[in-house]
Structures are given as C-alpha cells and as structure tokens.
PDB file of N, CA and C in Angstrom:
ATOM      1  N   MET A   1       1.179  -1.373  -0.175  1.00  0.00           N
ATOM      2  CA  MET A   1       0.278   0.449  -0.097  1.00  0.00           C
ATOM      3  C   MET A   1       0.929   0.817   0.690  1.00  0.00           C
ATOM      4  N   ASN A   2       1.730   1.330   0.794  1.00  0.00           N
ATOM      5  CA  ASN A   2       2.975   2.501   0.544  1.00  0.00           C
ATOM      6  C   ASN A   2       2.078   3.643  -0.345  1.00  0.00           C
ATOM      7  N   GLY A   3       1.107   4.264   0.171  1.00  0.00           N
ATOM      8  CA  GLY A   3       0.443   5.679  -0.193  1.00  0.00           C
ATOM      9  C   GLY A   3       0.164   5.582  -1.794  1.00  0.00           C
ATOM     10  N   GLU A   4       0.212   4.314  -2.194  1.00  0.00           N
ATOM     11  CA  GLU A   4      -0.734   4.617  -3.499  1.00  0.00           C
ATOM     12  C   GLU A   4      -1.685   3.707  -4.035  1.00  0.00           C
ATOM     13  N   ALA A   5      -2.689   3.900  -4.753  1.00  0.00           N
ATOM     14  CA  ALA A   5      -4.195   3.680  -4.446  1.00  0.00           C
ATOM     15  C   ALA A   5      -4.037   2.236  -6.475  1.00  0.00           C
ATOM     16  N   ARG A   6      -4.930   1.109  -5.995  1.00  0.00           N
ATOM     17  CA  ARG A   6      -4.590   0.777  -6.688  1.00  0.00           C
ATOM     18  C   ARG A   6      -5.794   1.226  -8.621  1.00  0.00           C
ATOM     19  N   GLU A   7      -5.349   0.691  -9.205  1.00  0.00           N
ATOM     20  CA  GLU A   7      -5.271   1.550 -10.994  1.00  0.00           C
ATOM     21  C   GLU A   7      -7.254   0.244 -10.371  1.00  0.00           C
ATOM     22  N   ILE A   8      -7.997   1.517 -10.687  1.00  0.00           N
ATOM     23  CA  ILE A   8      -9.723   1.490 -10.949  1.00  0.00           C
ATOM     24  C   ILE A   8      -9.830   0.427 -12.035  1.00  0.00           C
ATOM     25  N   ASP A   9     -10.615  -0.321 -12.232  1.00  0.00           N
ATOM     26  CA  ASP A   9     -10.892  -1.749 -12.838  1.00  0.00           C
ATOM     27  C   ASP A   9     -12.058  -1.086 -13.691  1.00  0.00           C
ATOM     28  N   LEU A  10     -12.312  -0.799 -14.598  1.00  0.00           N
ATOM     29  CA  LEU A  10     -13.846   0.171 -15.298  1.00  0.00           C
ATOM     30  C   LEU A  10     -15.018  -1.189 -14.617  1.00  0.00           C
ATOM     31  N   SER A  11     -14.349  -2.669 -15.228  1.00  0.00           N
ATOM     32  CA  SER A  11     -15.574  -3.328 -15.812  1.00  0.00           C
ATOM     33  C   SER A  11     -16.474  -3.661 -14.498  1.00  0.00           C
ATOM     34  N   LYS A  12     -15.908  -3.343 -12.563  1.00  0.00           N
ATOM     35  CA  LYS A  12     -15.957  -3.935 -12.309  1.00  0.00           C
ATOM     36  C   LYS A  12     -17.911  -2.315 -11.475  1.00  0.00           C
ATOM     37  N   LEU A  13     -17.421  -1.497 -12.176  1.00  0.00           N
ATOM     38  CA  LEU A  13     -18.327  -0.146 -11.953  1.00  0.00           C
ATOM     39  C   LEU A  13     -19.711  -0.819 -11.817  1.00  0.00           C
ATOM     40  N   PRO A  14     -20.580  -0.403 -11.043  1.00  0.00           N
ATOM     41  CA  PRO A  14     -22.095  -0.313 -11.830  1.00  0.00           C
ATOM     42  C   PRO A  14     -21.999   0.795 -13.119  1.00  0.00           C
ATOM     43  N   ALA A  15     -22.991  -0.095 -13.335  1.00  0.00           N
ATOM     44  CA  ALA A  15     -23.596   1.557 -14.571  1.00  0.00           C
ATOM     45  C   ALA A  15     -23.801   2.889 -14.415  1.00  0.00           C
ATOM     46  N   LEU A  16     -23.972   3.925 -14.821  1.00  0.00           N
ATOM     47  CA  LEU A  16     -24.991   4.588 -14.597  1.00  0.00           C
ATOM     48  C   LEU A  16     -26.458   4.598 -15.108  1.00  0.00           C
ATOM     49  N   PRO A  17     -26.892   5.570 -14.426  1.00  0.00           N
ATOM     50  CA  PRO A  17     -28.276   5.502 -13.906  1.00  0.00           C
ATOM     51  C   PRO A  17     -28.988   6.441 -15.583  1.00  0.00           C
ATOM     52  N   ARG A  18     -29.883   6.272 -16.110  1.00  0.00           N
ATOM     53  CA  ARG A  18     -30.249   6.770 -17.099  1.00  0.00           C
ATOM     54  C   ARG A  18     -30.762   8.505 -16.312  1.00  0.00           C
ATOM     55  N   ARG A  19     -30.444   8.884 -18.167  1.00  0.00           N
ATOM     56  CA  ARG A  19     -30.659  10.407 -17.983  1.00  0.00           C
ATOM     57  C   ARG A  19     -32.121  11.157 -18.576  1.00  0.00           C
ATOM     58  N   GLY A  20     -33.371  11.231 -17.033  1.00  0.00           N
ATOM     59  CA  GLY A  20     -34.031  11.770 -18.017  1.00  0.00           C
ATOM     60  C   GLY A  20     -35.482  10.737 -17.523  1.00  0.00           C
ATOM     61  N   PRO A  21     -36.522  11.466 -17.661  1.00  0.00           N
ATOM     62  CA  PRO A  21     -37.486   9.967 -17.584  1.00  0.00           C
ATOM     63  C   PRO A  21     -37.514   8.727 -18.564  1.00  0.00           C
ATOM     64  N   LYS A  22     -38.502   7.346 -17.589  1.00  0.00           N
ATOM     65  CA  LYS A  22     -37.913   6.554 -18.985  1.00  0.00           C
ATOM     66  C   LYS A  22     -39.111   6.786 -19.887  1.00  0.00           C
ATOM     67  N   GLU A  23     -38.999   6.627 -21.480  1.00  0.00           N
ATOM     68  CA  GLU A  23     -40.985   6.455 -22.488  1.00  0.00           C
ATOM     69  C   GLU A  23     -41.087   5.577 -21.984  1.00  0.00           C
ATOM     70  N   LYS A  24     -42.512   5.462 -22.021  1.00  0.00           N
ATOM     71  CA  LYS A  24     -43.923   4.800 -21.721  1.00  0.00           C
ATOM     72  C   LYS A  24     -43.743   3.940 -23.015  1.00  0.00           C
ATOM     73  N   PRO A  25     -44.339   3.441 -23.573  1.00  0.00           N
ATOM     74  CA  PRO A  25     -44.357   2.500 -24.671  1.00  0.00           C
ATOM     75  C   PRO A  25     -45.948   2.724 -24.792  1.00  0.00           C
ATOM     76  N   LYS A  26     -45.397   2.656 -26.814  1.00  0.00           N
ATOM     77  CA  LYS A  26     -46.219   3.949 -27.843  1.00  0.00           C
ATOM     78  C   LYS A  26     -47.428   2.906 -26.969  1.00  0.00           C
ATOM     79  N   ALA A  27     -47.642   1.320 -27.011  1.00  0.00           N
ATOM     80  CA  ALA A  27     -48.423   0.165 -27.106  1.00  0.00           C
ATOM     81  C   ALA A  27     -49.922   0.715 -25.941  1.00  0.00           C
ATOM     82  N   LEU A  28     -48.315   1.313 -24.986  1.00  0.00           N
ATOM     83  CA  LEU A  28     -49.331   1.921 -23.481  1.00  0.00           C
ATOM     84  C   LEU A  28     -49.904   3.396 -23.476  1.00  0.00           C
ATOM     85  N   THR A  29     -49.418   3.558 -23.942  1.00  0.00           N
ATOM     86  CA  THR A  29     -49.688   5.283 -24.003  1.00  0.00           C
ATOM     87  C   THR A  29     -51.577   5.973 -25.025  1.00  0.00           C
ATOM     88  N   ILE A  30     -51.529   4.873 -25.544  1.00  0.00           N
ATOM     89  CA  ILE A  30     -52.147   5.508 -27.136  1.00  0.00           C
ATOM     90  C   ILE A  30     -53.323   3.879 -26.866  1.00  0.00           C
ATOM     91  N   GLY A  31     -52.716   2.882 -26.573  1.00  0.00           N
ATOM     92  CA  GLY A  31     -53.840   1.715 -26.540  1.00  0.00           C
ATOM     93  C   GLY A  31     -54.276   1.519 -25.393  1.00  0.00           C
ATOM     94  N   LEU A  32     -54.166   2.104 -24.438  1.00  0.00           N
ATOM     95  CA  LEU A  32     -54.848   1.605 -22.524  1.00  0.00           C
ATOM     96  C   LEU A  32     -56.231   2.639 -22.634  1.00  0.00           C
ATOM     97  N   PRO A  33     -56.176   4.128 -23.437  1.00  0.00           N
ATOM     98  CA  PRO A  33     -57.188   5.281 -23.386  1.00  0.00           C
ATOM     99  C   PRO A  33     -58.087   4.349 -24.194  1.00  0.00           C
ATOM    100  N   VAL A  34     -58.129   3.250 -25.423  1.00  0.00           N
ATOM    101  CA  VAL A  34     -58.635   3.223 -27.113  1.00  0.00           C
ATOM    102  C   VAL A  34     -59.787   1.813 -26.472  1.00  0.00           C
ATOM    103  N   ILE A  35     -58.686   1.186 -25.248  1.00  0.00           N
ATOM    104  CA  ILE A  35     -59.267  -0.175 -24.903  1.00  0.00           C
ATOM    105  C   ILE A  35     -60.449  -0.441 -24.316  1.00  0.00           C
ATOM    106  N   LEU A  36     -59.789   0.988 -23.196  1.00  0.00           N
ATOM    107  CA  LEU A  36     -61.065   1.260 -21.897  1.00  0.00           C
ATOM    108  C   LEU A  36     -62.154   1.916 -22.046  1.00  0.00           C
ATOM    109  N   SER A  37     -61.980   2.687 -23.343  1.00  0.00           N
ATOM    110  CA  SER A  37     -63.042   3.391 -24.218  1.00  0.00           C
ATOM    111  C   SER A  37     -64.155   2.566 -24.313  1.00  0.00           C
ATOM    112  N   PHE A  38     -63.664   2.187 -25.417  1.00  0.00           N
ATOM    113  CA  PHE A  38     -64.154   0.492 -25.934  1.00  0.00           C
ATOM    114  C   PHE A  38     -65.200   0.223 -24.992  1.00  0.00           C
ATOM    115  N   VAL A  39     -64.269  -1.155 -23.798  1.00  0.00           N
ATOM    116  CA  VAL A  39     -64.710  -1.743 -22.450  1.00  0.00           C
ATOM    117  C   VAL A  39     -66.442  -0.442 -22.108  1.00  0.00           C
ATOM    118  N   ILE A  40     -65.803   0.572 -22.259  1.00  0.00           N
ATOM    119  CA  ILE A  40     -67.085   1.391 -21.390  1.00  0.00           C
ATOM    120  C   ILE A  40     -68.037   1.359 -22.638  1.00  0.00           C
ATOM    121  N   VAL A  41     -68.197   1.754 -23.514  1.00  0.00           N
ATOM    122  CA  VAL A  41     -69.344   2.015 -24.679  1.00  0.00           C
ATOM    123  C   VAL A  41     -70.118   0.722 -24.518  1.00  0.00           C
ATOM    124  N   ALA A  42     -68.725  -0.304 -24.627  1.00  0.00           N
ATOM    125  CA  ALA A  42     -69.973  -1.717 -25.175  1.00  0.00           C
ATOM    126  C   ALA A  42     -70.694  -2.148 -23.726  1.00  0.00           C
ATOM    127  N   THR A  43     -69.593  -1.263 -21.988  1.00  0.00           N
ATOM    128  CA  THR A  43     -71.280  -2.484 -20.876  1.00  0.00           C
ATOM    129  C   THR A  43     -72.128  -1.130 -21.226  1.00  0.00           C
ATOM    130  N   PHE A  44     -71.946   0.067 -21.357  1.00  0.00           N
ATOM    131  CA  PHE A  44     -73.365   0.812 -21.901  1.00  0.00           C
ATOM    132  C   PHE A  44     -73.769   0.530 -22.955  1.00  0.00           C
ATOM    133  N   ALA A  45     -74.025   0.018 -23.688  1.00  0.00           N
ATOM    134  CA  ALA A  45     -74.520  -0.805 -24.648  1.00  0.00           C
ATOM    135  C   ALA A  45     -75.176  -1.785 -24.545  1.00  0.00           C
ATOM    136  N   GLY A  46     -74.518  -3.023 -23.605  1.00  0.00           N
ATOM    137  CA  GLY A  46     -75.083  -4.145 -22.822  1.00  0.00           C
ATOM    138  C   GLY A  46     -75.763  -3.695 -21.926  1.00  0.00           C
ATOM    139  N   VAL A  47     -75.331  -2.567 -21.310  1.00  0.00           N
ATOM    140  CA  VAL A  47     -77.037  -3.034 -20.407  1.00  0.00           C
ATOM    141  C   VAL A  47     -78.014  -2.415 -20.469  1.00  0.00           C
ATOM    142  N   GLY A  48     -77.921  -0.687 -22.056  1.00  0.00           N
ATOM    143  CA  GLY A  48     -79.349  -0.485 -22.637  1.00  0.00           C
ATOM    144  C   GLY A  48     -79.621  -1.501 -23.467  1.00  0.00           C
ATOM    145  N   PHE A  49     -79.054  -2.727 -24.216  1.00  0.00           N
ATOM    146  CA  PHE A  49     -79.556  -3.799 -24.414  1.00  0.00           C
ATOM    147  C   PHE A  49     -81.037  -4.601 -23.911  1.00  0.00           C
ATOM    148  N   ALA A  50     -79.911  -5.074 -22.579  1.00  0.00           N
ATOM    149  CA  ALA A  50     -80.572  -5.638 -22.163  1.00  0.00           C
ATOM    150  C   ALA A  50     -81.768  -5.054 -21.241  1.00  0.00           C
ATOM    151  N   ALA A  51     -81.883  -3.945 -20.738  1.00  0.00           N
ATOM    152  CA  ALA A  51     -82.982  -2.906 -20.581  1.00  0.00           C
ATOM    153  C   ALA A  51     -84.119  -2.861 -21.270  1.00  0.00           C
ATOM    154  N   HIS A  52     -83.559  -2.729 -22.650  1.00  0.00           N
ATOM    155  CA  HIS A  52     -84.614  -2.804 -23.484  1.00  0.00           C
ATOM    156  C   HIS A  52     -85.210  -3.784 -24.042  1.00  0.00           C
ATOM    157  N   ARG A  53     -84.443  -4.849 -23.879  1.00  0.00           N
ATOM    158  CA  ARG A  53     -85.415  -6.380 -24.550  1.00  0.00           C
ATOM    159  C   ARG A  53     -86.008  -6.840 -23.473  1.00  0.00           C
ATOM    160  N   LYS A  54     -85.951  -6.279 -21.716  1.00  0.00           N
ATOM    161  CA  LYS A  54     -86.774  -6.512 -20.420  1.00  0.00           C
ATOM    162  C   LYS A  54     -87.931  -6.032 -20.711  1.00  0.00           C
ATOM    163  N   VAL A  55     -88.035  -4.878 -21.623  1.00  0.00           N
ATOM    164  CA  VAL A  55     -89.353  -4.018 -21.508  1.00  0.00           C
ATOM    165  C   VAL A  55     -89.917  -4.137 -22.867  1.00  0.00           C
ATOM    166  N   LYS A  56     -89.345  -4.433 -23.438  1.00  0.00           N
ATOM    167  CA  LYS A  56     -89.660  -5.548 -24.843  1.00  0.00           C
ATOM    168  C   LYS A  56     -90.686  -6.764 -24.460  1.00  0.00           C
ATOM    169  N   PHE A  57     -90.291  -7.426 -24.060  1.00  0.00           N
ATOM    170  CA  PHE A  57     -90.648  -8.126 -23.275  1.00  0.00           C
ATOM    171  C   PHE A  57     -91.336  -9.189 -22.422  1.00  0.00           C
ATOM    172  N   ALA A  58     -92.099  -8.178 -21.557  1.00  0.00           N
ATOM    173  CA  ALA A  58     -92.025  -7.638 -20.138  1.00  0.00           C
ATOM    174  C   ALA A  58     -93.774  -8.539 -20.454  1.00  0.00           C
ATOM    175  N   GLU A  59     -94.467  -8.948 -20.055  1.00  0.00           N
ATOM    176  CA  GLU A  59     -95.395  -9.364 -19.445  1.00  0.00           C
ATOM    177  C   GLU A  59     -96.628  -8.404 -19.504  1.00  0.00           C
ATOM    178  N   VAL A  60     -97.485  -8.117 -20.401  1.00  0.00           N
ATOM    179  CA  VAL A  60     -98.819  -6.433 -20.248  1.00  0.00           C
ATOM    180  C   VAL A  60     -99.744  -7.353 -19.411  1.00  0.00           C
ATOM    181  N   PHE A  61    -100.601  -6.951 -18.316  1.00  0.00           N
ATOM    182  CA  PHE A  61    -101.431  -7.266 -17.947  1.00  0.00           C
ATOM    183  C   PHE A  61    -102.727  -6.648 -18.252  1.00  0.00           C
ATOM    184  N   GLU A  62    -103.832  -6.736 -18.227  1.00  0.00           N
ATOM    185  CA  GLU A  62    -105.348  -6.716 -18.702  1.00  0.00           C
ATOM    186  C   GLU A  62    -105.455  -6.013 -17.365  1.00  0.00           C
ATOM    187  N   ASP A  63    -106.949  -4.381 -17.620  1.00  0.00           N
ATOM    188  CA  ASP A  63    -106.723  -4.059 -16.378  1.00  0.00           C
ATOM    189  C   ASP A  63    -107.642  -4.878 -15.138  1.00  0.00           C
ATOM    190  N   TRP A  64    -108.433  -6.159 -16.428  1.00  0.00           N
ATOM    191  CA  TRP A  64    -109.249  -7.454 -15.540  1.00  0.00           C
ATOM    192  C   TRP A  64    -108.733  -8.272 -14.779  1.00  0.00           C
ATOM    193  N   GLU A  65    -106.852  -8.727 -14.345  1.00  0.00           N
ATOM    194  CA  GLU A  65    -106.528  -9.024 -13.888  1.00  0.00           C
ATOM    195  C   GLU A  65    -105.596  -8.469 -13.200  1.00  0.00           C
ATOM    196  N   LEU A  66    -105.423  -7.050 -13.215  1.00  0.00           N
ATOM    197  CA  LEU A  66    -105.211  -6.297 -12.119  1.00  0.00           C
ATOM    198  C   LEU A  66    -105.938  -6.559 -10.627  1.00  0.00           C
ATOM    199  N   GLU A  67    -107.565  -6.332 -11.773  1.00  0.00           N
ATOM    200  CA  GLU A  67    -108.469  -6.491 -10.775  1.00  0.00           C
ATOM    201  C   GLU A  67    -108.710  -7.922  -9.583  1.00  0.00           C
ATOM    202  N   TYR A  68    -108.941  -8.579 -10.174  1.00  0.00           N
ATOM    203  CA  TYR A  68    -108.494  -9.597 -10.169  1.00  0.00           C
ATOM    204  C   TYR A  68    -108.407 -10.790  -9.226  1.00  0.00           C
ATOM    205  N   GLY A  69    -107.028 -10.724 -10.057  1.00  0.00           N
ATOM    206  CA  GLY A  69    -105.733 -11.202 -10.470  1.00  0.00           C
ATOM    207  C   GLY A  69    -105.603 -12.327 -11.582  1.00  0.00           C
ATOM    208  N   MET A  70    -104.504 -13.260 -12.006  1.00  0.00           N
ATOM    209  CA  MET A  70    -104.231 -14.067 -13.080  1.00  0.00           C
ATOM    210  C   MET A  70    -104.578 -15.493 -13.140  1.00  0.00           C
ATOM    211  N   HIS A  71    -105.796 -15.149 -14.185  1.00  0.00           N
ATOM    212  CA  HIS A  71    -106.495 -16.567 -14.285  1.00  0.00           C
ATOM    213  C   HIS A  71    -105.801 -17.788 -15.501  1.00  0.00           C
ATOM    214  N   ARG A  72    -104.874 -18.758 -14.735  1.00  0.00           N
ATOM    215  CA  ARG A  72    -104.067 -19.473 -15.741  1.00  0.00           C
ATOM    216  C   ARG A  72    -104.693 -20.395 -15.971  1.00  0.00           C
ATOM    217  N   PHE A  73    -104.649 -20.857 -17.237  1.00  0.00           N
ATOM    218  CA  PHE A  73    -105.163 -22.136 -17.362  1.00  0.00           C
ATOM    219  C   PHE A  73    -103.910 -23.161 -17.945  1.00  0.00           C
ATOM    220  N   ALA A  74    -103.854 -24.843 -17.199  1.00  0.00           N
ATOM    221  CA  ALA A  74    -102.548 -25.254 -17.545  1.00  0.00           C
ATOM    222  C   ALA A  74    -102.823 -25.538 -18.895  1.00  0.00           C
TER     223      ALA A  74
END
C-alpha cells in the first residue's frame, strides 16, 4: 500500500443511471385509453340492450287481471 492507489477496474463499476424519465411504450400510451373507452361504451350498450329487451318482452297485464288476479289455464 505504500501510499499508492490501485488502478481502477472499469468493468467492476456499476452502470450509470439513465438521464431523464423513461419513455412509456406507445402501446400503453395509445392502446390503453382506446381499449378502456371501448370497454366502457360496450358495457353501457350491453346494459341498454338488456333493459330494452326486458321492457320489450315484459308481460302485459290487462285491467281485469290487475283487479281479479291472473287466471291461468295449464
């Protein structure tokens, strides 16, 4: 050691950190909002379609059925 420093081995040093922020992948930046919008619109369309079918195929009661109850014949 006689007051002399050993030579630096550059291969043993860690890699330098990146400068600036990491770039997000284009698929994540563009694709995620598009897919999310599609899923939301499809969900609302499905709920609306189901509600429409429920109203369309609902059983219609006549006035006398409401007054006297339903009379069904097997």
